[in-house]
């Protein structure tokens, strides 16, 4: 029983190695210092963070793959409302060969709590 608990708790806290977490402050800083590719993947569609380049539902990444940069090393920043849909979208993009993926920690909720701008 203890072994099962350890396995389950380890899986819940393990972050996939193909996606980095980024805080609202870090993302805001990046957006002010350069042009980034920012994608809202939340369904249903929500109010977008100011500067969002693309809206693609997290579960339809494959369907819209032609909307993403052709260079698979381009940094792509993802967000949803709270975080999980961004991680799911990152998994799909990783499977398509993208290697520089970041998900906004806490999603649009954290962005809003930080007092940052929406469109």
N, C-alpha and C. Protein backbone atom coordinates (compact mmCIF):
# COMPACT_ATOMS: atom_id res chain seq x y z
N UNK A 1 0.83 -1.20 0.00
CA UNK A 1 0.00 0.00 0.00
C UNK A 1 0.87 1.27 0.00
N UNK A 2 1.91 1.28 0.83
CA UNK A 2 2.80 2.44 0.89
C UNK A 2 3.49 2.68 -0.46
N UNK A 3 3.89 1.60 -1.10
CA UNK A 3 4.54 1.73 -2.41
C UNK A 3 3.59 2.37 -3.43
N UNK A 4 2.33 1.98 -3.40
CA UNK A 4 1.33 2.54 -4.31
C UNK A 4 1.16 4.04 -4.05
N UNK A 5 1.10 4.43 -2.80
CA UNK A 5 0.96 5.84 -2.44
C UNK A 5 2.17 6.63 -2.94
N UNK A 6 3.36 6.08 -2.76
CA UNK A 6 4.57 6.77 -3.21
C UNK A 6 4.59 6.93 -4.73
N UNK A 7 4.18 5.90 -5.44
CA UNK A 7 4.14 5.96 -6.91
C UNK A 7 3.13 7.01 -7.37
N UNK A 8 1.94 6.98 -6.78
CA UNK A 8 0.90 7.93 -7.17
C UNK A 8 1.29 9.37 -6.84
N UNK A 9 1.85 9.60 -5.67
CA UNK A 9 2.22 10.97 -5.30
C UNK A 9 3.38 11.46 -6.16
N UNK A 10 4.28 10.59 -6.53
CA UNK A 10 5.40 10.97 -7.41
C UNK A 10 4.91 11.38 -8.78
N UNK A 11 3.90 10.69 -9.31
CA UNK A 11 3.36 11.01 -10.63
C UNK A 11 2.64 12.35 -10.63
N UNK A 12 1.96 12.66 -9.55
CA UNK A 12 1.18 13.88 -9.51
C UNK A 12 2.07 15.12 -9.49
N UNK A 13 3.26 15.04 -8.94
CA UNK A 13 4.11 16.22 -8.81
C UNK A 13 5.22 16.28 -9.85
N UNK A 14 5.33 15.27 -10.67
CA UNK A 14 6.39 15.24 -11.66
C UNK A 14 5.99 16.07 -12.87
N UNK A 15 6.82 17.07 -13.20
CA UNK A 15 6.54 17.91 -14.37
C UNK A 15 7.21 17.27 -15.59
N UNK A 16 6.52 17.28 -16.72
CA UNK A 16 7.15 16.74 -17.92
C UNK A 16 8.37 17.57 -18.31
N UNK A 17 9.36 16.91 -18.87
CA UNK A 17 10.62 17.60 -19.21
C UNK A 17 10.54 18.40 -20.51
N UNK A 18 9.47 18.26 -21.27
CA UNK A 18 9.37 18.95 -22.55
C UNK A 18 8.69 20.33 -22.44
N UNK A 19 8.24 20.70 -21.25
CA UNK A 19 7.61 22.01 -21.07
C UNK A 19 8.15 22.67 -19.80
N UNK A 20 8.46 23.96 -19.93
CA UNK A 20 8.93 24.74 -18.78
C UNK A 20 7.76 25.55 -18.24
N UNK A 21 7.79 25.83 -16.97
CA UNK A 21 6.80 26.74 -16.36
C UNK A 21 7.38 28.13 -16.37
N UNK A 22 6.50 29.10 -16.58
CA UNK A 22 6.92 30.49 -16.56
C UNK A 22 5.91 31.27 -15.72
N UNK A 23 6.39 32.16 -14.89
CA UNK A 23 5.51 32.96 -14.03
C UNK A 23 4.94 34.13 -14.83
N UNK A 24 3.83 34.71 -14.35
CA UNK A 24 3.30 35.89 -15.03
C UNK A 24 4.34 37.01 -15.14
N UNK A 25 5.12 37.24 -14.08
CA UNK A 25 6.14 38.31 -14.12
C UNK A 25 7.19 38.02 -15.18
N UNK A 26 7.64 36.76 -15.28
CA UNK A 26 8.64 36.40 -16.30
C UNK A 26 8.09 36.57 -17.71
N UNK A 27 6.85 36.11 -17.92
CA UNK A 27 6.23 36.24 -19.25
C UNK A 27 6.05 37.71 -19.61
N UNK A 28 5.58 38.51 -18.66
CA UNK A 28 5.38 39.94 -18.90
C UNK A 28 6.70 40.60 -19.30
N UNK A 29 7.77 40.25 -18.61
CA UNK A 29 9.11 40.79 -18.91
C UNK A 29 9.52 40.42 -20.34
N UNK A 30 9.34 39.15 -20.71
CA UNK A 30 9.68 38.69 -22.07
C UNK A 30 8.88 39.45 -23.13
N UNK A 31 7.61 39.69 -22.84
CA UNK A 31 6.75 40.36 -23.80
C UNK A 31 7.18 41.81 -24.00
N UNK A 32 7.81 42.41 -23.01
CA UNK A 32 8.26 43.80 -23.13
C UNK A 32 9.65 43.92 -23.73
N UNK A 33 10.39 42.81 -23.77
CA UNK A 33 11.76 42.88 -24.29
C UNK A 33 11.88 42.32 -25.71
N UNK A 34 10.85 41.66 -26.20
CA UNK A 34 10.95 41.11 -27.55
C UNK A 34 9.63 40.56 -28.03
N UNK A 35 9.63 40.11 -29.27
CA UNK A 35 8.45 39.54 -29.88
C UNK A 35 8.42 38.05 -29.54
N UNK A 36 7.33 37.61 -28.92
CA UNK A 36 7.21 36.19 -28.57
C UNK A 36 5.96 35.62 -29.24
N UNK A 37 5.87 34.29 -29.31
CA UNK A 37 4.70 33.62 -29.88
C UNK A 37 3.86 33.11 -28.72
N UNK A 38 2.74 33.79 -28.45
CA UNK A 38 1.88 33.50 -27.30
C UNK A 38 0.56 32.91 -27.78
N UNK A 39 0.18 31.77 -27.19
CA UNK A 39 -1.00 31.03 -27.64
C UNK A 39 -1.94 30.75 -26.47
N UNK A 40 -3.19 31.15 -26.63
CA UNK A 40 -4.25 30.81 -25.66
C UNK A 40 -4.87 29.50 -26.11
N UNK A 41 -4.87 28.50 -25.23
CA UNK A 41 -5.39 27.17 -25.59
C UNK A 41 -6.62 26.79 -24.77
N UNK A 42 -7.19 27.75 -24.03
CA UNK A 42 -8.33 27.45 -23.16
C UNK A 42 -9.62 27.26 -23.96
N UNK A 43 -10.40 26.28 -23.55
CA UNK A 43 -11.75 26.14 -24.10
C UNK A 43 -12.72 26.13 -22.93
N UNK A 44 -13.83 26.86 -23.07
CA UNK A 44 -14.17 27.70 -24.22
C UNK A 44 -13.28 28.93 -24.28
N UNK A 45 -13.30 29.59 -25.43
CA UNK A 45 -12.46 30.77 -25.63
C UNK A 45 -12.73 31.78 -24.52
N UNK A 46 -11.66 32.37 -24.02
CA UNK A 46 -11.74 33.32 -22.91
C UNK A 46 -11.17 34.66 -23.34
N UNK A 47 -11.19 35.63 -22.43
CA UNK A 47 -10.55 36.91 -22.69
C UNK A 47 -9.05 36.66 -22.80
N UNK A 48 -8.43 37.17 -23.86
CA UNK A 48 -7.02 36.90 -24.13
C UNK A 48 -6.09 37.89 -23.44
N UNK A 49 -4.91 37.39 -23.07
CA UNK A 49 -3.85 38.25 -22.57
C UNK A 49 -3.45 39.16 -23.72
N UNK A 50 -3.24 40.43 -23.41
CA UNK A 50 -2.85 41.40 -24.45
C UNK A 50 -1.55 40.93 -25.09
N UNK A 51 -1.55 40.84 -26.43
CA UNK A 51 -0.38 40.38 -27.16
C UNK A 51 -0.46 38.93 -27.61
N UNK A 52 -1.60 38.27 -27.35
CA UNK A 52 -1.77 36.88 -27.77
C UNK A 52 -1.75 36.82 -29.30
N UNK A 53 -0.97 35.87 -29.83
CA UNK A 53 -0.83 35.71 -31.28
C UNK A 53 -1.87 34.78 -31.89
N UNK A 54 -2.32 33.82 -31.09
CA UNK A 54 -3.14 32.75 -31.66
C UNK A 54 -4.02 32.15 -30.59
N UNK A 55 -5.26 31.78 -30.98
CA UNK A 55 -6.12 30.99 -30.11
C UNK A 55 -6.35 29.66 -30.81
N UNK A 56 -5.99 28.58 -30.13
CA UNK A 56 -6.21 27.23 -30.62
C UNK A 56 -6.65 26.38 -29.43
N UNK A 57 -7.81 25.73 -29.50
CA UNK A 57 -8.22 24.87 -28.39
C UNK A 57 -7.15 23.81 -28.09
N UNK A 58 -6.91 23.59 -26.80
CA UNK A 58 -5.84 22.67 -26.38
C UNK A 58 -5.96 21.28 -26.99
N UNK A 59 -7.18 20.86 -27.28
CA UNK A 59 -7.41 19.51 -27.79
C UNK A 59 -7.52 19.46 -29.32
N UNK A 60 -7.15 20.58 -29.98
CA UNK A 60 -7.20 20.62 -31.45
C UNK A 60 -5.88 21.11 -32.05
N UNK A 61 -4.78 20.93 -31.33
CA UNK A 61 -3.47 21.39 -31.78
C UNK A 61 -3.13 20.81 -33.15
N UNK A 62 -3.32 19.53 -33.32
CA UNK A 62 -2.99 18.85 -34.58
C UNK A 62 -3.77 19.48 -35.75
N UNK A 63 -5.03 19.79 -35.52
CA UNK A 63 -5.90 20.37 -36.55
C UNK A 63 -5.37 21.73 -37.03
N UNK A 64 -4.74 22.50 -36.13
CA UNK A 64 -4.27 23.84 -36.45
C UNK A 64 -2.74 23.93 -36.53
N UNK A 65 -2.08 22.82 -36.76
CA UNK A 65 -0.61 22.81 -36.73
C UNK A 65 0.02 23.76 -37.75
N UNK A 66 -0.69 24.06 -38.83
CA UNK A 66 -0.16 24.98 -39.85
C UNK A 66 -0.15 26.44 -39.36
N UNK A 67 -0.79 26.73 -38.25
CA UNK A 67 -0.82 28.08 -37.69
C UNK A 67 0.40 28.35 -36.80
N UNK A 68 1.12 27.29 -36.44
CA UNK A 68 2.30 27.41 -35.58
C UNK A 68 3.55 27.67 -36.41
N UNK A 69 4.60 28.22 -35.79
CA UNK A 69 5.83 28.50 -36.53
C UNK A 69 6.38 27.24 -37.22
N UNK A 70 6.94 27.42 -38.40
CA UNK A 70 7.52 26.28 -39.12
C UNK A 70 8.82 25.83 -38.46
N UNK A 71 9.53 26.75 -37.83
CA UNK A 71 10.76 26.41 -37.10
C UNK A 71 10.38 25.79 -35.77
N UNK A 72 10.64 24.50 -35.62
CA UNK A 72 10.22 23.75 -34.42
C UNK A 72 11.00 24.14 -33.16
N UNK A 73 12.04 24.99 -33.30
CA UNK A 73 12.79 25.47 -32.14
C UNK A 73 12.31 26.84 -31.66
N UNK A 74 11.34 27.43 -32.36
CA UNK A 74 10.79 28.72 -31.95
C UNK A 74 10.18 28.58 -30.56
N UNK A 75 10.51 29.51 -29.65
CA UNK A 75 9.87 29.47 -28.33
C UNK A 75 8.36 29.72 -28.46
N UNK A 76 7.58 28.85 -27.87
CA UNK A 76 6.12 28.99 -27.87
C UNK A 76 5.67 29.05 -26.41
N UNK A 77 4.89 30.08 -26.10
CA UNK A 77 4.38 30.29 -24.74
C UNK A 77 2.88 30.02 -24.76
N UNK A 78 2.45 29.12 -23.90
CA UNK A 78 1.06 28.66 -23.86
C UNK A 78 0.40 29.12 -22.57
N UNK A 79 -0.91 29.33 -22.65
CA UNK A 79 -1.67 29.55 -21.41
C UNK A 79 -3.12 29.14 -21.61
N UNK A 80 -3.75 28.82 -20.49
CA UNK A 80 -5.18 28.54 -20.46
C UNK A 80 -5.71 29.33 -19.27
N UNK A 81 -6.77 28.88 -18.65
CA UNK A 81 -7.30 29.62 -17.51
C UNK A 81 -6.49 29.35 -16.25
N UNK A 82 -6.11 28.07 -16.03
CA UNK A 82 -5.41 27.74 -14.80
C UNK A 82 -4.12 26.96 -14.95
N UNK A 83 -3.86 26.37 -16.11
CA UNK A 83 -2.60 25.65 -16.33
C UNK A 83 -2.70 24.29 -16.99
N UNK A 84 -3.67 23.43 -16.62
CA UNK A 84 -3.70 22.07 -17.16
C UNK A 84 -3.88 21.97 -18.68
N UNK A 85 -4.71 22.80 -19.26
CA UNK A 85 -4.91 22.74 -20.72
C UNK A 85 -3.63 23.16 -21.44
N UNK A 86 -2.87 24.08 -20.85
CA UNK A 86 -1.59 24.48 -21.42
C UNK A 86 -0.61 23.32 -21.44
N UNK A 87 -0.61 22.53 -20.37
CA UNK A 87 0.26 21.34 -20.33
C UNK A 87 -0.15 20.32 -21.37
N UNK A 88 -1.47 20.14 -21.56
CA UNK A 88 -1.96 19.19 -22.57
C UNK A 88 -1.57 19.66 -23.97
N UNK A 89 -1.69 20.97 -24.22
CA UNK A 89 -1.30 21.52 -25.53
C UNK A 89 0.19 21.35 -25.75
N UNK A 90 0.99 21.54 -24.70
CA UNK A 90 2.44 21.37 -24.81
C UNK A 90 2.78 19.93 -25.18
N UNK A 91 2.08 18.99 -24.61
CA UNK A 91 2.31 17.58 -24.94
C UNK A 91 2.05 17.34 -26.44
N UNK A 92 0.95 17.89 -26.94
CA UNK A 92 0.62 17.73 -28.37
C UNK A 92 1.67 18.38 -29.26
N UNK A 93 2.11 19.58 -28.89
CA UNK A 93 3.14 20.27 -29.68
C UNK A 93 4.47 19.52 -29.62
N UNK A 94 4.79 18.98 -28.47
CA UNK A 94 6.01 18.18 -28.32
C UNK A 94 5.95 16.97 -29.25
N UNK A 95 4.80 16.33 -29.32
CA UNK A 95 4.63 15.17 -30.21
C UNK A 95 4.76 15.56 -31.68
N UNK A 96 4.50 16.84 -31.99
CA UNK A 96 4.67 17.35 -33.37
C UNK A 96 6.10 17.80 -33.64
N UNK A 97 6.97 17.71 -32.61
CA UNK A 97 8.38 18.02 -32.81
C UNK A 97 8.85 19.35 -32.25
N UNK A 98 7.95 20.12 -31.61
CA UNK A 98 8.36 21.40 -31.01
C UNK A 98 9.15 21.15 -29.74
N UNK A 99 10.21 21.95 -29.55
CA UNK A 99 11.12 21.65 -28.45
C UNK A 99 11.30 22.79 -27.45
N UNK A 100 10.75 23.97 -27.72
CA UNK A 100 10.97 25.11 -26.84
C UNK A 100 9.62 25.62 -26.35
N UNK A 101 9.02 24.90 -25.40
CA UNK A 101 7.65 25.15 -24.95
C UNK A 101 7.62 25.62 -23.50
N UNK A 102 6.80 26.62 -23.24
CA UNK A 102 6.60 27.11 -21.88
C UNK A 102 5.11 27.28 -21.63
N UNK A 103 4.69 26.98 -20.40
CA UNK A 103 3.29 27.11 -19.99
C UNK A 103 3.23 28.12 -18.85
N UNK A 104 2.28 29.05 -18.94
CA UNK A 104 2.11 30.06 -17.91
C UNK A 104 1.59 29.41 -16.63
N UNK A 105 2.39 29.51 -15.59
CA UNK A 105 2.05 28.95 -14.28
C UNK A 105 0.80 29.64 -13.75
N UNK A 106 -0.25 28.88 -13.48
CA UNK A 106 -1.48 29.47 -12.97
C UNK A 106 -2.37 30.09 -14.03
N UNK A 107 -1.90 30.07 -15.29
CA UNK A 107 -2.70 30.53 -16.42
C UNK A 107 -3.18 31.97 -16.33
N UNK A 108 -4.28 32.23 -17.03
CA UNK A 108 -4.86 33.58 -17.08
C UNK A 108 -5.28 34.05 -15.69
N UNK A 109 -5.66 33.11 -14.82
CA UNK A 109 -6.04 33.49 -13.45
C UNK A 109 -4.87 34.16 -12.74
N UNK A 110 -3.69 33.58 -12.85
CA UNK A 110 -2.50 34.15 -12.21
C UNK A 110 -2.13 35.49 -12.85
N UNK A 111 -2.28 35.57 -14.17
CA UNK A 111 -2.01 36.82 -14.90
C UNK A 111 -2.91 37.94 -14.37
N UNK A 112 -4.20 37.60 -14.21
CA UNK A 112 -5.20 38.56 -13.71
C UNK A 112 -4.86 38.98 -12.28
N UNK A 113 -4.51 38.02 -11.43
CA UNK A 113 -4.16 38.32 -10.03
C UNK A 113 -2.92 39.21 -9.95
N UNK A 114 -2.04 39.09 -10.93
CA UNK A 114 -0.82 39.93 -10.96
C UNK A 114 -1.13 41.35 -11.48
N UNK A 115 -2.38 41.58 -11.90
CA UNK A 115 -2.79 42.90 -12.36
C UNK A 115 -2.29 43.22 -13.76
N UNK A 116 -2.04 42.20 -14.57
CA UNK A 116 -1.50 42.41 -15.91
C UNK A 116 -2.62 42.52 -16.94
N UNK A 117 -2.27 42.99 -18.14
CA UNK A 117 -3.26 43.40 -19.14
C UNK A 117 -3.88 42.27 -19.96
N UNK A 118 -5.18 42.48 -20.25
CA UNK A 118 -5.92 41.64 -21.19
C UNK A 118 -6.35 42.50 -22.35
N UNK A 119 -6.71 41.86 -23.46
CA UNK A 119 -7.18 42.61 -24.63
C UNK A 119 -8.57 43.15 -24.38
